[in-house]
Amino acid sequence: MLNPFEFFLLFLASFRLTRLIMYDTITAFIRKPFHDIIEEELPDGTTQTFLIVKGSGIKYWIGELLGCYWCTGIWCSAFVYIGYTIWPYGFKPLVCIFAIAGCSALVEAIVEKILS
């Protein structure tokens, strides 16, 4: 069983890993084979972006998975937890790095909200 500190670290690490896979530009190459991004200009002049899942079968399934924050979050959480449980020596640095990055992301979101 995890102690509260370990749980909090894994929570932050899985949060950050999920966001990394789902949204960050640096991992766009992972999503590109499964998604098309379509932009449409609306009558008011703003642009709206749509995600279209490519393919069928397993390719479509992976595209759906990568398009759903909740689904990707479950798999990222499972990866982080299982890795941490089976190979703690190798996963502790990874978990700590992602947890620190997760804290930074949350602080940045809060500061951005306060300043805007």
C-alpha atoms as a PDB file:
ATOM      1  CA  MET A   1       0.000   0.000   0.000  1.00  0.00           C
ATOM      2  CA  LEU A   2       1.222   3.477  -0.829  1.00  0.00           C
ATOM      3  CA  ASN A   3       1.778   6.057   1.860  1.00  0.00           C
ATOM      4  CA  PRO A   4       0.100   9.461   1.293  1.00  0.00           C
ATOM      5  CA  PHE A   5       3.313  11.077   0.037  1.00  0.00           C
ATOM      6  CA  GLU A   6       3.911   8.336  -2.548  1.00  0.00           C
ATOM      7  CA  PHE A   7       0.287   8.568  -3.649  1.00  0.00           C
ATOM      8  CA  PHE A   8       0.605  12.330  -4.096  1.00  0.00           C
ATOM      9  CA  LEU A   9       3.815  11.919  -6.122  1.00  0.00           C
ATOM     10  CA  LEU A  10       2.207   9.294  -8.359  1.00  0.00           C
ATOM     11  CA  PHE A  11      -0.877  11.497  -8.728  1.00  0.00           C
ATOM     12  CA  LEU A  12       1.205  14.458  -9.899  1.00  0.00           C
ATOM     13  CA  ALA A  13       3.397  12.286 -12.134  1.00  0.00           C
ATOM     14  CA  SER A  14       0.433  10.649 -13.874  1.00  0.00           C
ATOM     15  CA  PHE A  15      -1.237  14.069 -14.275  1.00  0.00           C
ATOM     16  CA  ARG A  16       1.850  15.485 -15.978  1.00  0.00           C
ATOM     17  CA  LEU A  17       2.484  12.396 -18.138  1.00  0.00           C
ATOM     18  CA  THR A  18      -1.131  12.443 -19.314  1.00  0.00           C
ATOM     19  CA  ARG A  19      -0.910  16.120 -20.270  1.00  0.00           C
ATOM     20  CA  LEU A  20       2.429  15.499 -21.975  1.00  0.00           C
ATOM     21  CA  ILE A  21       0.935  12.774 -24.176  1.00  0.00           C
ATOM     22  CA  MET A  22      -2.380  14.530 -24.810  1.00  0.00           C
ATOM     23  CA  TYR A  23      -1.467  18.156 -25.418  1.00  0.00           C
ATOM     24  CA  ASP A  24       2.217  19.056 -25.513  1.00  0.00           C
ATOM     25  CA  THR A  25       3.778  19.979 -28.850  1.00  0.00           C
ATOM     26  CA  ILE A  26       6.847  17.860 -28.137  1.00  0.00           C
ATOM     27  CA  THR A  27       4.719  14.678 -28.309  1.00  0.00           C
ATOM     28  CA  ALA A  28       2.680  15.686 -31.381  1.00  0.00           C
ATOM     29  CA  PHE A  29       4.552  13.022 -33.367  1.00  0.00           C
ATOM     30  CA  ILE A  30       2.847  10.363 -31.212  1.00  0.00           C
ATOM     31  CA  ARG A  31      -0.641  11.722 -31.973  1.00  0.00           C
ATOM     32  CA  LYS A  32      -0.084  12.649 -35.634  1.00  0.00           C
ATOM     33  CA  PRO A  33      -0.573   9.148 -37.133  1.00  0.00           C
ATOM     34  CA  PHE A  34      -3.931   8.897 -35.347  1.00  0.00           C
ATOM     35  CA  HIS A  35      -5.386  12.423 -35.566  1.00  0.00           C
ATOM     36  CA  ASP A  36      -6.128  15.127 -38.100  1.00  0.00           C
ATOM     37  CA  ILE A  37      -6.591  18.649 -36.805  1.00  0.00           C
ATOM     38  CA  ILE A  38      -9.108  20.720 -38.772  1.00  0.00           C
ATOM     39  CA  GLU A  39      -9.491  24.460 -38.239  1.00  0.00           C
ATOM     40  CA  GLU A  40     -12.602  26.310 -39.326  1.00  0.00           C
ATOM     41  CA  GLU A  41     -13.172  30.040 -39.277  1.00  0.00           C
ATOM     42  CA  LEU A  42     -16.440  30.970 -37.621  1.00  0.00           C
ATOM     43  CA  PRO A  43     -18.696  33.828 -38.790  1.00  0.00           C
ATOM     44  CA  ASP A  44     -17.438  36.033 -35.932  1.00  0.00           C
ATOM     45  CA  GLY A  45     -13.853  35.690 -37.208  1.00  0.00           C
ATOM     46  CA  THR A  46     -12.620  33.300 -34.512  1.00  0.00           C
ATOM     47  CA  THR A  47     -11.126  29.945 -35.362  1.00  0.00           C
ATOM     48  CA  GLN A  48     -12.394  26.675 -33.956  1.00  0.00           C
ATOM     49  CA  THR A  49     -10.247  23.534 -33.959  1.00  0.00           C
ATOM     50  CA  PHE A  50     -11.635  20.021 -34.437  1.00  0.00           C
ATOM     51  CA  LEU A  51      -9.891  16.723 -33.856  1.00  0.00           C
ATOM     52  CA  ILE A  52     -10.702  13.977 -36.366  1.00  0.00           C
ATOM     53  CA  VAL A  53      -9.669  10.412 -35.512  1.00  0.00           C
ATOM     54  CA  LYS A  54      -8.015   8.614 -38.459  1.00  0.00           C
ATOM     55  CA  GLY A  55      -8.334   5.055 -39.676  1.00  0.00           C
ATOM     56  CA  SER A  56     -10.278   2.064 -38.454  1.00  0.00           C
ATOM     57  CA  GLY A  57      -9.745  -0.909 -36.173  1.00  0.00           C
ATOM     58  CA  ILE A  58      -6.770  -0.673 -33.828  1.00  0.00           C
ATOM     59  CA  LYS A  59      -5.604   2.628 -35.367  1.00  0.00           C
ATOM     60  CA  TYR A  60      -9.005   4.191 -34.679  1.00  0.00           C
ATOM     61  CA  TRP A  61      -9.032   2.743 -31.152  1.00  0.00           C
ATOM     62  CA  ILE A  62      -5.624   4.263 -30.381  1.00  0.00           C
ATOM     63  CA  GLY A  63      -6.787   7.564 -31.894  1.00  0.00           C
ATOM     64  CA  GLU A  64      -9.866   7.537 -29.657  1.00  0.00           C
ATOM     65  CA  LEU A  65      -7.679   6.720 -26.654  1.00  0.00           C
ATOM     66  CA  LEU A  66      -5.300   9.595 -27.422  1.00  0.00           C
ATOM     67  CA  GLY A  67      -8.251  11.931 -27.881  1.00  0.00           C
ATOM     68  CA  CYS A  68      -9.770  11.185 -24.475  1.00  0.00           C
ATOM     69  CA  TYR A  69      -8.099  12.733 -21.432  1.00  0.00           C
ATOM     70  CA  TRP A  70      -9.809  10.294 -19.039  1.00  0.00           C
ATOM     71  CA  CYS A  71      -8.777   7.216 -21.049  1.00  0.00           C
ATOM     72  CA  THR A  72      -5.184   8.321 -21.497  1.00  0.00           C
ATOM     73  CA  GLY A  73      -5.083   9.254 -17.811  1.00  0.00           C
ATOM     74  CA  ILE A  74      -6.044   5.724 -16.778  1.00  0.00           C
ATOM     75  CA  TRP A  75      -3.308   4.170 -18.920  1.00  0.00           C
ATOM     76  CA  CYS A  76      -0.698   6.713 -17.774  1.00  0.00           C
ATOM     77  CA  SER A  77      -1.668   6.136 -14.141  1.00  0.00           C
ATOM     78  CA  ALA A  78      -1.416   2.376 -14.618  1.00  0.00           C
ATOM     79  CA  PHE A  79       1.993   2.743 -16.285  1.00  0.00           C
ATOM     80  CA  VAL A  80       3.339   4.986 -13.506  1.00  0.00           C
ATOM     81  CA  TYR A  81       1.942   2.852 -10.680  1.00  0.00           C
ATOM     82  CA  ILE A  82       2.963  -0.527 -12.111  1.00  0.00           C
ATOM     83  CA  GLY A  83       6.420   0.762 -13.020  1.00  0.00           C
ATOM     84  CA  TYR A  84       6.863   2.266  -9.571  1.00  0.00           C
ATOM     85  CA  THR A  85       5.701  -0.958  -7.914  1.00  0.00           C
ATOM     86  CA  ILE A  86       7.710  -3.406 -10.045  1.00  0.00           C
ATOM     87  CA  TRP A  87      10.895  -1.372 -10.560  1.00  0.00           C
ATOM     88  CA  PRO A  88      10.991   1.403  -7.936  1.00  0.00           C
ATOM     89  CA  TYR A  89      14.714   2.042  -8.387  1.00  0.00           C
ATOM     90  CA  GLY A  90      14.230   2.962 -12.045  1.00  0.00           C
ATOM     91  CA  PHE A  91      10.876   4.701 -11.716  1.00  0.00           C
ATOM     92  CA  LYS A  92      11.503   6.897  -8.669  1.00  0.00           C
ATOM     93  CA  PRO A  93      13.539   9.495 -10.618  1.00  0.00           C
ATOM     94  CA  LEU A  94      10.958   9.477 -13.427  1.00  0.00           C
ATOM     95  CA  VAL A  95       8.077   9.860 -10.977  1.00  0.00           C
ATOM     96  CA  CYS A  96       9.847  12.697  -9.149  1.00  0.00           C
ATOM     97  CA  ILE A  97      10.603  14.560 -12.390  1.00  0.00           C
ATOM     98  CA  PHE A  98       7.015  14.248 -13.611  1.00  0.00           C
ATOM     99  CA  ALA A  99       5.656  15.178 -10.162  1.00  0.00           C
ATOM    100  CA  ILE A 100       7.802  18.323 -10.020  1.00  0.00           C
ATOM    101  CA  ALA A 101       6.728  19.210 -13.564  1.00  0.00           C
ATOM    102  CA  GLY A 102       3.104  18.575 -12.562  1.00  0.00           C
ATOM    103  CA  CYS A 103       3.432  20.975  -9.624  1.00  0.00           C
ATOM    104  CA  SER A 104       4.985  23.567 -11.916  1.00  0.00           C
ATOM    105  CA  ALA A 105       2.115  23.187 -14.386  1.00  0.00           C
ATOM    106  CA  LEU A 106      -0.487  23.596 -11.651  1.00  0.00           C
ATOM    107  CA  VAL A 107       1.253  26.637 -10.178  1.00  0.00           C
ATOM    108  CA  GLU A 108       1.546  28.199 -13.644  1.00  0.00           C
ATOM    109  CA  ALA A 109      -2.176  27.623 -14.293  1.00  0.00           C
ATOM    110  CA  ILE A 110      -3.085  29.236 -10.970  1.00  0.00           C
ATOM    111  CA  VAL A 111      -0.784  32.228 -11.532  1.00  0.00           C
ATOM    112  CA  GLU A 112      -2.100  32.646 -15.091  1.00  0.00           C
ATOM    113  CA  LYS A 113      -5.685  32.615 -13.771  1.00  0.00           C
ATOM    114  CA  ILE A 114      -4.865  35.187 -11.066  1.00  0.00           C
ATOM    115  CA  LEU A 115      -3.038  37.508 -13.459  1.00  0.00           C
ATOM    116  CA  SER A 116      -5.663  37.432 -16.218  1.00  0.00           C
END
